[in-house]
Amino acid sequence: MTTQEIAKKLAAHCKQGQFEQAQKELYAKNAVSIEPEASMGFEKETHGLDAIIKKGEKFGEMVEAVHGVTISEPIVAGNTFAFTLDMDTTMKGQKRSNMTELCVYQVKDGKVVSEQFFM
């Protein structure tokens, strides 16, 4: 798969809230996930697909309700692509809020090898 194809497929999965399915299908086993800072009980860096999936499950357990997810069209440059992710959520024990982040991905050999989030 090309970087453009991966970008479109990942964006489509995310629009449907199918984050784990996207990771299993599109990520390399040794992928790295980088957060803006260690927060919400997450490390700044998570290494390996299994650990990234567990991080997603942990995030899901913290969410009371997802009211909407909006993904921009991906922008592709070489082996890198990015899109914005806007999540309207209610976290357990908190008020409804909106989280917007820039998601940047790197692709190698037809798989996502890194994701990095900027808020």
N, C-alpha and C. Protein backbone atom coordinates (compact mmCIF):
# COMPACT_ATOMS: atom_id res chain seq x y z
N MET A 1 0.84 -1.19 0.00
CA MET A 1 0.00 0.00 0.00
C MET A 1 0.88 1.25 0.00
N THR A 2 0.44 2.25 -0.72
CA THR A 2 1.17 3.52 -0.73
C THR A 2 0.83 4.32 0.52
N THR A 3 1.63 5.35 0.77
CA THR A 3 1.35 6.24 1.91
C THR A 3 -0.02 6.89 1.74
N GLN A 4 -0.36 7.30 0.54
CA GLN A 4 -1.67 7.91 0.26
C GLN A 4 -2.80 6.93 0.59
N GLU A 5 -2.67 5.68 0.17
CA GLU A 5 -3.70 4.67 0.44
C GLU A 5 -3.83 4.41 1.94
N ILE A 6 -2.70 4.32 2.64
CA ILE A 6 -2.74 4.11 4.09
C ILE A 6 -3.40 5.29 4.78
N ALA A 7 -3.05 6.51 4.35
CA ALA A 7 -3.64 7.72 4.94
C ALA A 7 -5.16 7.72 4.79
N LYS A 8 -5.65 7.43 3.60
CA LYS A 8 -7.10 7.42 3.37
C LYS A 8 -7.78 6.33 4.18
N LYS A 9 -7.16 5.16 4.24
CA LYS A 9 -7.75 4.04 4.97
C LYS A 9 -7.76 4.32 6.48
N LEU A 10 -6.67 4.87 7.01
CA LEU A 10 -6.62 5.20 8.44
C LEU A 10 -7.66 6.27 8.78
N ALA A 11 -7.75 7.30 7.97
CA ALA A 11 -8.74 8.35 8.21
C ALA A 11 -10.15 7.78 8.19
N ALA A 12 -10.44 6.89 7.25
CA ALA A 12 -11.77 6.28 7.16
C ALA A 12 -12.08 5.46 8.41
N HIS A 13 -11.13 4.67 8.87
CA HIS A 13 -11.33 3.89 10.10
C HIS A 13 -11.58 4.81 11.30
N CYS A 14 -10.78 5.86 11.41
CA CYS A 14 -10.92 6.78 12.55
C CYS A 14 -12.27 7.48 12.54
N LYS A 15 -12.75 7.85 11.35
CA LYS A 15 -14.07 8.49 11.24
C LYS A 15 -15.17 7.58 11.80
N GLN A 16 -14.96 6.28 11.70
CA GLN A 16 -15.93 5.30 12.20
C GLN A 16 -15.65 4.89 13.64
N GLY A 17 -14.60 5.45 14.25
CA GLY A 17 -14.23 5.08 15.61
C GLY A 17 -13.57 3.71 15.68
N GLN A 18 -13.06 3.22 14.55
CA GLN A 18 -12.45 1.88 14.48
C GLN A 18 -10.92 1.99 14.63
N PHE A 19 -10.49 2.52 15.76
CA PHE A 19 -9.07 2.79 15.98
C PHE A 19 -8.26 1.49 16.08
N GLU A 20 -8.74 0.54 16.86
CA GLU A 20 -8.00 -0.71 17.03
C GLU A 20 -7.94 -1.50 15.73
N GLN A 21 -9.02 -1.55 15.00
CA GLN A 21 -9.02 -2.25 13.72
C GLN A 21 -8.00 -1.62 12.78
N ALA A 22 -7.94 -0.30 12.76
CA ALA A 22 -6.97 0.40 11.91
C ALA A 22 -5.54 0.04 12.31
N GLN A 23 -5.28 0.03 13.60
CA GLN A 23 -3.94 -0.29 14.08
C GLN A 23 -3.54 -1.72 13.69
N LYS A 24 -4.43 -2.67 13.90
CA LYS A 24 -4.13 -4.06 13.56
C LYS A 24 -3.88 -4.24 12.07
N GLU A 25 -4.59 -3.50 11.27
CA GLU A 25 -4.49 -3.64 9.82
C GLU A 25 -3.32 -2.86 9.22
N LEU A 26 -3.04 -1.66 9.77
CA LEU A 26 -2.15 -0.73 9.09
C LEU A 26 -0.81 -0.48 9.77
N TYR A 27 -0.65 -0.90 11.03
CA TYR A 27 0.56 -0.58 11.79
C TYR A 27 1.57 -1.72 11.75
N ALA A 28 2.84 -1.35 11.78
CA ALA A 28 3.93 -2.32 11.91
C ALA A 28 3.95 -2.84 13.35
N LYS A 29 4.44 -4.05 13.53
CA LYS A 29 4.51 -4.65 14.87
C LYS A 29 5.39 -3.82 15.82
N ASN A 30 6.39 -3.12 15.27
CA ASN A 30 7.31 -2.34 16.09
C ASN A 30 7.00 -0.84 16.06
N ALA A 31 5.77 -0.47 15.74
CA ALA A 31 5.37 0.93 15.67
C ALA A 31 5.57 1.64 17.01
N VAL A 32 5.71 2.97 16.93
CA VAL A 32 5.89 3.81 18.12
C VAL A 32 4.79 4.86 18.13
N SER A 33 4.23 5.11 19.31
CA SER A 33 3.22 6.15 19.50
C SER A 33 3.80 7.19 20.45
N ILE A 34 3.74 8.47 20.05
CA ILE A 34 4.33 9.55 20.85
C ILE A 34 3.25 10.56 21.20
N GLU A 35 3.06 10.77 22.48
CA GLU A 35 2.11 11.75 23.01
C GLU A 35 2.83 13.08 23.22
N PRO A 36 2.08 14.20 23.32
CA PRO A 36 2.73 15.49 23.55
C PRO A 36 3.50 15.54 24.87
N GLU A 37 2.99 14.82 25.85
CA GLU A 37 3.64 14.71 27.15
C GLU A 37 3.02 13.53 27.87
N ALA A 38 3.71 13.02 28.85
CA ALA A 38 3.12 11.94 29.65
C ALA A 38 1.91 12.52 30.37
N SER A 39 0.73 11.98 30.11
CA SER A 39 -0.49 12.49 30.74
C SER A 39 -1.56 11.41 30.75
N MET A 40 -2.57 11.63 31.56
CA MET A 40 -3.71 10.71 31.67
C MET A 40 -3.25 9.28 31.96
N GLY A 41 -2.10 9.13 32.59
CA GLY A 41 -1.61 7.80 32.91
C GLY A 41 -0.86 7.13 31.79
N PHE A 42 -0.62 7.84 30.69
CA PHE A 42 0.11 7.29 29.55
C PHE A 42 1.55 7.77 29.57
N GLU A 43 2.44 6.92 29.10
CA GLU A 43 3.83 7.29 28.92
C GLU A 43 3.93 8.23 27.71
N LYS A 44 5.00 9.01 27.64
CA LYS A 44 5.20 9.88 26.49
C LYS A 44 5.36 9.03 25.22
N GLU A 45 6.07 7.90 25.33
CA GLU A 45 6.25 7.02 24.19
C GLU A 45 5.76 5.61 24.51
N THR A 46 5.09 5.02 23.56
CA THR A 46 4.62 3.64 23.67
C THR A 46 5.22 2.88 22.49
N HIS A 47 5.90 1.77 22.78
CA HIS A 47 6.60 1.01 21.75
C HIS A 47 5.92 -0.34 21.51
N GLY A 48 5.67 -0.63 20.24
CA GLY A 48 5.11 -1.92 19.85
C GLY A 48 3.60 -1.87 19.68
N LEU A 49 3.13 -2.58 18.67
CA LEU A 49 1.70 -2.59 18.35
C LEU A 49 0.85 -3.07 19.50
N ASP A 50 1.26 -4.13 20.18
CA ASP A 50 0.46 -4.65 21.30
C ASP A 50 0.30 -3.59 22.39
N ALA A 51 1.37 -2.87 22.70
CA ALA A 51 1.30 -1.83 23.73
C ALA A 51 0.45 -0.65 23.26
N ILE A 52 0.50 -0.33 21.98
CA ILE A 52 -0.33 0.76 21.44
C ILE A 52 -1.81 0.38 21.53
N ILE A 53 -2.13 -0.85 21.22
CA ILE A 53 -3.52 -1.31 21.33
C ILE A 53 -3.97 -1.26 22.79
N LYS A 54 -3.13 -1.68 23.72
CA LYS A 54 -3.48 -1.61 25.14
C LYS A 54 -3.70 -0.18 25.59
N LYS A 55 -2.89 0.76 25.08
CA LYS A 55 -3.06 2.17 25.41
C LYS A 55 -4.43 2.64 24.93
N GLY A 56 -4.83 2.22 23.73
CA GLY A 56 -6.15 2.58 23.21
C GLY A 56 -7.28 2.02 24.04
N GLU A 57 -7.11 0.78 24.50
CA GLU A 57 -8.12 0.16 25.37
C GLU A 57 -8.23 0.93 26.69
N LYS A 58 -7.09 1.33 27.24
CA LYS A 58 -7.09 2.10 28.49
C LYS A 58 -7.80 3.44 28.30
N PHE A 59 -7.54 4.09 27.17
CA PHE A 59 -8.23 5.35 26.88
C PHE A 59 -9.73 5.11 26.78
N GLY A 60 -10.13 4.05 26.08
CA GLY A 60 -11.54 3.71 25.94
C GLY A 60 -12.24 3.49 27.26
N GLU A 61 -11.52 2.92 28.23
CA GLU A 61 -12.09 2.68 29.56
C GLU A 61 -12.33 3.99 30.31
N MET A 62 -11.64 5.06 29.92
CA MET A 62 -11.77 6.35 30.58
C MET A 62 -12.91 7.19 30.00
N VAL A 63 -13.45 6.75 28.87
CA VAL A 63 -14.48 7.50 28.15
C VAL A 63 -15.86 7.02 28.56
N GLU A 64 -16.69 7.98 28.97
CA GLU A 64 -18.08 7.66 29.28
C GLU A 64 -18.91 7.63 28.01
N ALA A 65 -18.70 8.62 27.12
CA ALA A 65 -19.47 8.70 25.88
C ALA A 65 -18.68 9.45 24.81
N VAL A 66 -18.81 8.98 23.58
CA VAL A 66 -18.26 9.69 22.43
C VAL A 66 -19.45 10.27 21.68
N HIS A 67 -19.47 11.60 21.57
CA HIS A 67 -20.60 12.28 20.93
C HIS A 67 -20.33 12.54 19.45
N GLY A 68 -19.06 12.49 19.06
CA GLY A 68 -18.73 12.71 17.66
C GLY A 68 -17.23 12.68 17.43
N VAL A 69 -16.86 12.26 16.23
CA VAL A 69 -15.45 12.25 15.81
C VAL A 69 -15.40 12.87 14.42
N THR A 70 -14.53 13.85 14.24
CA THR A 70 -14.34 14.49 12.94
C THR A 70 -12.86 14.38 12.57
N ILE A 71 -12.61 13.93 11.35
CA ILE A 71 -11.26 13.76 10.84
C ILE A 71 -11.14 14.62 9.58
N SER A 72 -10.06 15.39 9.47
CA SER A 72 -9.84 16.16 8.25
C SER A 72 -9.32 15.24 7.15
N GLU A 73 -9.28 15.76 5.95
CA GLU A 73 -8.66 15.01 4.85
C GLU A 73 -7.17 14.92 5.12
N PRO A 74 -6.55 13.77 4.88
CA PRO A 74 -5.12 13.64 5.12
C PRO A 74 -4.30 14.49 4.14
N ILE A 75 -3.18 14.98 4.64
CA ILE A 75 -2.19 15.66 3.82
C ILE A 75 -0.98 14.73 3.76
N VAL A 76 -0.52 14.40 2.57
CA VAL A 76 0.56 13.44 2.39
C VAL A 76 1.79 14.14 1.82
N ALA A 77 2.95 13.84 2.39
CA ALA A 77 4.23 14.34 1.89
C ALA A 77 5.24 13.20 2.01
N GLY A 78 5.59 12.61 0.89
CA GLY A 78 6.54 11.50 0.91
C GLY A 78 5.99 10.33 1.70
N ASN A 79 6.73 9.92 2.73
CA ASN A 79 6.30 8.78 3.56
C ASN A 79 5.61 9.24 4.85
N THR A 80 5.18 10.49 4.87
CA THR A 80 4.54 11.06 6.06
C THR A 80 3.17 11.61 5.69
N PHE A 81 2.22 11.48 6.62
CA PHE A 81 0.92 12.12 6.41
C PHE A 81 0.38 12.61 7.75
N ALA A 82 -0.58 13.51 7.66
CA ALA A 82 -1.17 14.10 8.86
C ALA A 82 -2.64 14.41 8.61
N PHE A 83 -3.40 14.42 9.69
CA PHE A 83 -4.77 14.92 9.66
C PHE A 83 -5.12 15.40 11.05
N THR A 84 -6.17 16.21 11.14
CA THR A 84 -6.65 16.64 12.45
C THR A 84 -7.73 15.69 12.91
N LEU A 85 -7.76 15.48 14.21
CA LEU A 85 -8.76 14.63 14.86
C LEU A 85 -9.47 15.49 15.90
N ASP A 86 -10.76 15.58 15.79
CA ASP A 86 -11.57 16.33 16.74
C ASP A 86 -12.53 15.35 17.39
N MET A 87 -12.41 15.17 18.71
CA MET A 87 -13.29 14.24 19.43
C MET A 87 -14.13 15.01 20.44
N ASP A 88 -15.42 14.84 20.35
CA ASP A 88 -16.37 15.40 21.30
C ASP A 88 -16.72 14.27 22.26
N THR A 89 -16.22 14.34 23.49
CA THR A 89 -16.38 13.23 24.43
C THR A 89 -16.81 13.71 25.81
N THR A 90 -17.32 12.77 26.57
CA THR A 90 -17.49 12.94 28.00
C THR A 90 -16.63 11.88 28.65
N MET A 91 -15.61 12.32 29.37
CA MET A 91 -14.74 11.41 30.10
C MET A 91 -15.43 11.08 31.43
N LYS A 92 -15.21 9.89 31.94
CA LYS A 92 -15.83 9.48 33.20
C LYS A 92 -15.51 10.48 34.30
N GLY A 93 -16.56 10.94 34.98
CA GLY A 93 -16.40 11.87 36.09
C GLY A 93 -16.10 13.29 35.67
N GLN A 94 -16.22 13.61 34.38
CA GLN A 94 -15.92 14.95 33.90
C GLN A 94 -17.06 15.47 33.02
N LYS A 95 -16.99 16.75 32.71
CA LYS A 95 -17.97 17.35 31.82
C LYS A 95 -17.62 17.03 30.37
N ARG A 96 -18.61 17.16 29.52
CA ARG A 96 -18.40 16.98 28.09
C ARG A 96 -17.35 17.99 27.60
N SER A 97 -16.45 17.52 26.74
CA SER A 97 -15.40 18.41 26.23
C SER A 97 -15.01 18.03 24.81
N ASN A 98 -14.30 18.94 24.20
CA ASN A 98 -13.84 18.74 22.84
C ASN A 98 -12.31 18.67 22.85
N MET A 99 -11.75 17.66 22.19
CA MET A 99 -10.30 17.50 22.12
C MET A 99 -9.91 17.54 20.64
N THR A 100 -9.01 18.45 20.30
CA THR A 100 -8.53 18.54 18.93
C THR A 100 -7.04 18.32 18.92
N GLU A 101 -6.58 17.48 18.00
CA GLU A 101 -5.15 17.23 17.90
C GLU A 101 -4.74 17.04 16.45
N LEU A 102 -3.47 17.32 16.20
CA LEU A 102 -2.87 17.04 14.91
C LEU A 102 -2.19 15.68 15.04
N CYS A 103 -2.51 14.78 14.16
CA CYS A 103 -1.98 13.42 14.18
C CYS A 103 -1.03 13.27 12.99
N VAL A 104 0.22 12.93 13.27
CA VAL A 104 1.24 12.82 12.23
C VAL A 104 1.75 11.38 12.21
N TYR A 105 1.82 10.80 11.02
CA TYR A 105 2.19 9.39 10.86
C TYR A 105 3.34 9.25 9.88
N GLN A 106 4.20 8.27 10.15
CA GLN A 106 5.26 7.91 9.21
C GLN A 106 5.04 6.48 8.75
N VAL A 107 5.30 6.25 7.47
CA VAL A 107 5.09 4.94 6.85
C VAL A 107 6.41 4.41 6.33
N LYS A 108 6.61 3.11 6.53
CA LYS A 108 7.79 2.43 5.98
C LYS A 108 7.35 1.03 5.57
N ASP A 109 7.72 0.62 4.37
CA ASP A 109 7.39 -0.72 3.86
C ASP A 109 5.90 -1.02 3.95
N GLY A 110 5.06 -0.01 3.66
CA GLY A 110 3.63 -0.22 3.59
C GLY A 110 2.91 -0.31 4.93
N LYS A 111 3.56 0.09 6.02
CA LYS A 111 2.95 0.07 7.35
C LYS A 111 3.26 1.36 8.10
N VAL A 112 2.37 1.76 8.99
CA VAL A 112 2.63 2.90 9.87
C VAL A 112 3.66 2.47 10.89
N VAL A 113 4.78 3.21 10.96
CA VAL A 113 5.84 2.88 11.92
C VAL A 113 5.88 3.86 13.09
N SER A 114 5.23 5.03 12.93
CA SER A 114 5.14 5.94 14.07
C SER A 114 3.92 6.84 13.92
N GLU A 115 3.39 7.19 15.08
CA GLU A 115 2.30 8.17 15.16
C GLU A 115 2.70 9.14 16.26
N GLN A 116 2.43 10.42 16.01
CA GLN A 116 2.74 11.43 17.01
C GLN A 116 1.58 12.43 17.05
N PHE A 117 1.20 12.81 18.25
CA PHE A 117 0.04 13.66 18.44
C PHE A 117 0.46 15.00 19.03
N PHE A 118 -0.13 16.08 18.49
CA PHE A 118 0.12 17.45 18.95
C PHE A 118 -1.22 18.06 19.30
N MET A 119 -1.30 18.66 20.50
CA MET A 119 -2.55 19.29 20.93
C MET A 119 -2.35 20.77 21.10
